[in-house]
Amino acid sequence: MDIRDLEEMSIGDSRNTFLCNIMKSDRKFQSEQEELEYLKTTKPFLCEEILSCYTFLEENGMLSRYFQERDAFC
């Protein structure tokens, strides 16, 4: 799944849009302070998103497989 796929999902539309905006790699900052503020603001949201995904995977018996696949790419 990439950002375009996430944007097209109808579930949690505003949340998906927000997440997609966070993940855009072409974002430019006017200063280091602006970038730092952006990172401070988005970090909790991204952490919550990751933990939600982990919870879903665990509840569906897929978390250990995910970790195995993830670790195979590192």
C-alpha atoms as a PDB file:
ATOM      1  CA  MET A   1       0.000   0.000   0.000  1.00  0.00           C
ATOM      2  CA  ASP A   2       1.259   3.468  -0.789  1.00  0.00           C
ATOM      3  CA  ILE A   3      -0.012   6.944  -0.004  1.00  0.00           C
ATOM      4  CA  ARG A   4      -2.325   7.017  -3.047  1.00  0.00           C
ATOM      5  CA  ASP A   5      -4.019   3.802  -1.891  1.00  0.00           C
ATOM      6  CA  LEU A   6      -4.562   5.242   1.572  1.00  0.00           C
ATOM      7  CA  GLU A   7      -6.028   8.455   0.164  1.00  0.00           C
ATOM      8  CA  GLU A   8      -8.578   6.459  -1.848  1.00  0.00           C
ATOM      9  CA  MET A   9      -9.884   4.498   1.151  1.00  0.00           C
ATOM     10  CA  SER A  10     -13.252   5.754   2.397  1.00  0.00           C
ATOM     11  CA  ILE A  11     -12.848   4.573   6.005  1.00  0.00           C
ATOM     12  CA  GLY A  12     -11.742   7.396   8.290  1.00  0.00           C
ATOM     13  CA  ASP A  13     -11.487   9.778   5.361  1.00  0.00           C
ATOM     14  CA  SER A  14     -10.252  12.835   7.258  1.00  0.00           C
ATOM     15  CA  ARG A  15      -7.805  10.707   9.249  1.00  0.00           C
ATOM     16  CA  ASN A  16      -6.473   9.152   6.040  1.00  0.00           C
ATOM     17  CA  THR A  17      -6.043  12.576   4.475  1.00  0.00           C
ATOM     18  CA  PHE A  18      -4.185  13.793   7.558  1.00  0.00           C
ATOM     19  CA  LEU A  19      -1.958  10.709   7.571  1.00  0.00           C
ATOM     20  CA  CYS A  20      -1.214  11.085   3.867  1.00  0.00           C
ATOM     21  CA  ASN A  21      -0.232  14.710   4.360  1.00  0.00           C
ATOM     22  CA  ILE A  22       2.134  13.725   7.167  1.00  0.00           C
ATOM     23  CA  MET A  23       3.840  11.103   5.003  1.00  0.00           C
ATOM     24  CA  LYS A  24       4.448  13.300   1.953  1.00  0.00           C
ATOM     25  CA  SER A  25       8.150  13.474   1.261  1.00  0.00           C
ATOM     26  CA  ASP A  26       8.095  16.717  -0.727  1.00  0.00           C
ATOM     27  CA  ARG A  27       7.266  18.922   2.264  1.00  0.00           C
ATOM     28  CA  LYS A  28       9.442  22.031   2.570  1.00  0.00           C
ATOM     29  CA  PHE A  29      10.067  24.015   5.736  1.00  0.00           C
ATOM     30  CA  GLN A  30      10.952  27.671   6.097  1.00  0.00           C
ATOM     31  CA  SER A  31      13.197  27.043   9.093  1.00  0.00           C
ATOM     32  CA  GLU A  32      14.565  24.335  11.352  1.00  0.00           C
ATOM     33  CA  GLN A  33      12.187  25.545  14.058  1.00  0.00           C
ATOM     34  CA  GLU A  34       9.209  25.013  11.757  1.00  0.00           C
ATOM     35  CA  GLU A  35      10.428  21.512  10.916  1.00  0.00           C
ATOM     36  CA  LEU A  36      10.975  20.692  14.590  1.00  0.00           C
ATOM     37  CA  GLU A  37       7.467  21.865  15.464  1.00  0.00           C
ATOM     38  CA  TYR A  38       6.058  19.739  12.641  1.00  0.00           C
ATOM     39  CA  LEU A  39       7.920  16.670  13.873  1.00  0.00           C
ATOM     40  CA  LYS A  40       6.791  17.231  17.456  1.00  0.00           C
ATOM     41  CA  THR A  41       3.195  17.578  16.315  1.00  0.00           C
ATOM     42  CA  THR A  42       3.088  14.554  14.049  1.00  0.00           C
ATOM     43  CA  LYS A  43       5.077  12.069  16.139  1.00  0.00           C
ATOM     44  CA  PRO A  44       2.241  11.249  18.600  1.00  0.00           C
ATOM     45  CA  PHE A  45      -0.197  10.722  15.736  1.00  0.00           C
ATOM     46  CA  LEU A  46       2.176   8.371  13.914  1.00  0.00           C
ATOM     47  CA  CYS A  47       2.907   6.447  17.119  1.00  0.00           C
ATOM     48  CA  GLU A  48      -0.825   6.022  17.743  1.00  0.00           C
ATOM     49  CA  GLU A  49      -1.302   4.843  14.157  1.00  0.00           C
ATOM     50  CA  ILE A  50       1.456   2.230  14.476  1.00  0.00           C
ATOM     51  CA  LEU A  51       0.109   0.966  17.799  1.00  0.00           C
ATOM     52  CA  SER A  52      -3.393   0.710  16.313  1.00  0.00           C
ATOM     53  CA  CYS A  53      -2.012  -1.371  13.456  1.00  0.00           C
ATOM     54  CA  TYR A  54      -0.106  -3.614  15.867  1.00  0.00           C
ATOM     55  CA  THR A  55      -3.266  -4.123  17.935  1.00  0.00           C
ATOM     56  CA  PHE A  56      -5.262  -5.056  14.841  1.00  0.00           C
ATOM     57  CA  LEU A  57      -2.584  -7.489  13.670  1.00  0.00           C
ATOM     58  CA  GLU A  58      -2.333  -9.064  17.123  1.00  0.00           C
ATOM     59  CA  GLU A  59      -6.106  -9.467  17.439  1.00  0.00           C
ATOM     60  CA  ASN A  60      -6.132 -11.243  14.079  1.00  0.00           C
ATOM     61  CA  GLY A  61      -3.160 -13.503  14.821  1.00  0.00           C
ATOM     62  CA  MET A  62      -0.865 -11.796  12.318  1.00  0.00           C
ATOM     63  CA  LEU A  63       1.527  -9.753  14.456  1.00  0.00           C
ATOM     64  CA  SER A  64       4.328 -12.303  14.741  1.00  0.00           C
ATOM     65  CA  ARG A  65       4.196 -12.931  10.984  1.00  0.00           C
ATOM     66  CA  TYR A  66       4.386  -9.201  10.362  1.00  0.00           C
ATOM     67  CA  PHE A  67       7.483  -8.947  12.565  1.00  0.00           C
ATOM     68  CA  GLN A  68       9.086 -11.880  10.733  1.00  0.00           C
ATOM     69  CA  GLU A  69       8.421 -10.291   7.353  1.00  0.00           C
ATOM     70  CA  ARG A  70       9.576  -6.864   8.541  1.00  0.00           C
ATOM     71  CA  ASP A  71      12.781  -8.247  10.016  1.00  0.00           C
ATOM     72  CA  ALA A  72      13.525 -10.146   6.804  1.00  0.00           C
ATOM     73  CA  PHE A  73      13.783  -6.810   4.970  1.00  0.00           C
ATOM     74  CA  CYS A  74      16.224  -5.261   7.450  1.00  0.00           C
END
